[in-house]
Amino acid sequence: MKIKMDKMFSQRLLRGKTDKTFIQFFRYFLVGGFSFMIDFSILFALTEYFNFHYLISAGVGFICGLFTNYFLSIRWVFVTRTISNKMLEFWCFVLIGVIGLFLNELLLWLFTDVVSINYLFSKVITASLILFWNFFMRKILLFSRKPVYE
């Protein structure tokens, strides 16, 4: 019985459409982890191998992660849409991401230049904080049960 319950729970957690915030956050955490790997890899490669300043590398990586995050989020994480126009939804998603990018750059600079933490460790701390901003703003503004806007 317990194995069957665990299997049912894991299937709900990973498959099918859901409006349950806990399951969406879990999925968003996985999507965010994958997007973070892309973001982090670009940050590292541009800084270490191409000698870009770490804040420029972080911006490029963040934007690449943002696009990855959007496409995976609309396919697997969020079901309900607040905005019916997909292009408008995308640009609102990007706007939330741009605010996240600003926070990313600010916190990355703060942890790296002010607190003197290595930029890669600073990125891990920063990404962990911004994960919550991005999820909850997107969930509330774009993917909730509010009335659909054109």
Protein backbone atom coordinates (compact mmCIF):
# COMPACT_ATOMS: atom_id res chain seq x y z
CA MET A 1 0.00 0.00 0.00
CA LYS A 2 2.79 2.43 0.93
CA ILE A 3 4.68 1.74 -2.31
CA LYS A 4 1.50 2.38 -4.29
CA MET A 5 0.92 5.67 -2.42
CA ASP A 6 4.55 6.74 -2.99
CA LYS A 7 4.23 5.92 -6.69
CA MET A 8 0.97 7.86 -6.97
CA PHE A 9 2.53 10.85 -5.20
CA SER A 10 5.66 10.81 -7.39
CA GLN A 11 3.52 10.56 -10.52
CA ARG A 12 1.45 13.57 -9.41
CA LEU A 13 4.65 15.39 -8.56
CA LEU A 14 6.27 14.81 -11.93
CA ARG A 15 3.46 14.18 -14.42
CA GLY A 16 0.25 15.74 -15.48
CA LYS A 17 -1.11 19.22 -15.13
CA THR A 18 -1.58 20.80 -11.74
CA ASP A 19 -2.54 24.08 -10.10
CA LYS A 20 -1.18 22.99 -6.71
CA THR A 21 1.44 25.53 -5.60
CA PHE A 22 3.60 22.96 -3.79
CA ILE A 23 3.88 20.74 -6.87
CA GLN A 24 4.42 23.74 -9.13
CA PHE A 25 7.17 25.02 -6.85
CA PHE A 26 8.83 21.60 -6.84
CA ARG A 27 8.72 21.49 -10.64
CA TYR A 28 9.88 25.10 -10.86
CA PHE A 29 12.76 24.21 -8.56
CA LEU A 30 13.82 21.46 -11.02
CA VAL A 31 13.34 23.74 -14.03
CA GLY A 32 15.22 26.48 -12.19
CA GLY A 33 18.02 24.04 -11.40
CA PHE A 34 18.40 23.16 -15.06
CA SER A 35 18.23 26.83 -16.06
CA PHE A 36 20.76 27.61 -13.32
CA MET A 37 23.19 25.06 -14.76
CA ILE A 38 23.04 26.84 -18.10
CA ASP A 39 23.34 30.26 -16.41
CA PHE A 40 26.22 29.15 -14.17
CA SER A 41 28.11 27.43 -17.01
CA ILE A 42 27.95 30.54 -19.15
CA LEU A 43 29.04 32.71 -16.22
CA PHE A 44 32.02 30.45 -15.58
CA ALA A 45 33.02 30.02 -19.25
CA LEU A 46 32.79 33.70 -20.20
CA THR A 47 34.64 34.81 -17.06
CA GLU A 48 37.34 32.14 -16.91
CA TYR A 49 38.00 31.39 -20.58
CA PHE A 50 37.05 34.62 -22.35
CA ASN A 51 38.03 37.09 -19.60
CA PHE A 52 34.68 38.88 -19.47
CA HIS A 53 33.96 40.79 -16.26
CA TYR A 54 31.91 38.50 -14.02
CA LEU A 55 28.91 40.88 -13.99
CA ILE A 56 28.72 40.88 -17.80
CA SER A 57 29.06 37.09 -17.85
CA ALA A 58 26.36 36.85 -15.20
CA GLY A 59 23.99 38.97 -17.29
CA VAL A 60 24.48 36.85 -20.40
CA GLY A 61 24.08 33.63 -18.43
CA PHE A 62 20.99 34.91 -16.66
CA ILE A 63 19.30 35.81 -19.95
CA CYS A 64 20.05 32.35 -21.42
CA GLY A 65 18.67 30.75 -18.27
CA LEU A 66 15.59 32.98 -18.50
CA PHE A 67 14.64 31.70 -21.95
CA THR A 68 15.21 28.10 -20.88
CA ASN A 69 13.11 28.70 -17.79
CA TYR A 70 10.23 30.20 -19.75
CA PHE A 71 9.90 27.38 -22.24
CA LEU A 72 10.15 24.66 -19.60
CA SER A 73 7.80 26.51 -17.22
CA ILE A 74 4.97 26.89 -19.72
CA ARG A 75 5.33 23.25 -20.81
CA TRP A 76 5.64 21.54 -17.44
CA VAL A 77 5.17 23.82 -14.41
CA PHE A 78 2.25 26.19 -14.93
CA VAL A 79 -1.14 25.26 -16.37
CA THR A 80 -3.41 28.20 -15.66
CA ARG A 81 -2.72 31.40 -17.53
CA THR A 82 -3.72 34.89 -16.44
CA ILE A 83 -2.94 36.45 -19.84
CA SER A 84 -4.35 34.78 -22.96
CA ASN A 85 -2.01 36.59 -25.37
CA LYS A 86 1.14 34.42 -25.43
CA MET A 87 3.40 37.22 -26.65
CA LEU A 88 2.23 39.55 -23.88
CA GLU A 89 2.66 36.72 -21.38
CA PHE A 90 6.21 36.13 -22.62
CA TRP A 91 7.14 39.80 -22.27
CA CYS A 92 5.65 39.95 -18.77
CA PHE A 93 7.67 36.83 -17.92
CA VAL A 94 10.75 38.62 -19.30
CA LEU A 95 9.95 41.79 -17.32
CA ILE A 96 9.84 39.79 -14.09
CA GLY A 97 13.11 38.22 -15.23
CA VAL A 98 14.67 41.63 -15.90
CA ILE A 99 13.83 42.67 -12.34
CA GLY A 100 15.37 39.36 -11.28
CA LEU A 101 18.41 40.19 -13.42
CA PHE A 102 18.77 43.55 -11.67
CA LEU A 103 18.55 41.81 -8.29
CA ASN A 104 21.00 39.18 -9.54
CA GLU A 105 23.57 41.78 -10.57
CA LEU A 106 23.12 43.79 -7.37
CA LEU A 107 23.41 40.82 -5.03
CA LEU A 108 26.26 39.27 -7.03
CA TRP A 109 28.21 42.53 -6.83
CA LEU A 110 27.38 42.90 -3.13
CA PHE A 111 28.48 39.38 -2.19
CA THR A 112 31.55 39.43 -4.46
CA ASP A 113 32.94 42.96 -4.18
CA VAL A 114 31.67 44.07 -0.79
CA VAL A 115 31.62 40.83 1.21
CA SER A 116 34.57 39.31 -0.75
CA ILE A 117 32.97 35.96 -1.57
CA ASN A 118 34.16 34.21 -4.75
CA TYR A 119 31.87 35.16 -7.64
CA LEU A 120 30.81 31.54 -8.22
CA PHE A 121 29.73 31.08 -4.61
CA SER A 122 28.05 34.47 -4.76
CA LYS A 123 26.09 33.25 -7.78
CA VAL A 124 24.82 30.19 -5.89
CA ILE A 125 23.62 32.37 -2.98
CA THR A 126 22.07 34.92 -5.32
CA ALA A 127 20.29 32.33 -7.47
CA SER A 128 18.82 30.71 -4.37
CA LEU A 129 17.28 34.01 -3.30
CA ILE A 130 16.04 35.01 -6.74
CA LEU A 131 14.36 31.62 -7.22
CA PHE A 132 11.66 32.67 -4.75
CA TRP A 133 11.18 36.11 -6.35
CA ASN A 134 10.79 34.62 -9.82
CA PHE A 135 8.46 31.79 -8.84
CA PHE A 136 6.05 33.75 -6.70
CA MET A 137 5.88 36.80 -8.98
CA ARG A 138 5.25 34.59 -12.01
CA LYS A 139 2.75 32.43 -10.15
CA ILE A 140 0.82 35.45 -8.83
CA LEU A 141 0.92 37.67 -11.91
CA LEU A 142 0.99 35.22 -14.83
CA PHE A 143 -0.12 31.75 -13.83
CA SER A 144 -2.94 32.01 -11.30
CA ARG A 145 -6.69 31.64 -11.37
CA LYS A 146 -7.28 35.36 -11.82
CA PRO A 147 -9.38 36.59 -14.73
CA VAL A 148 -7.72 36.22 -18.12
CA TYR A 149 -6.45 39.45 -19.65
CA GLU A 150 -6.00 40.02 -23.35
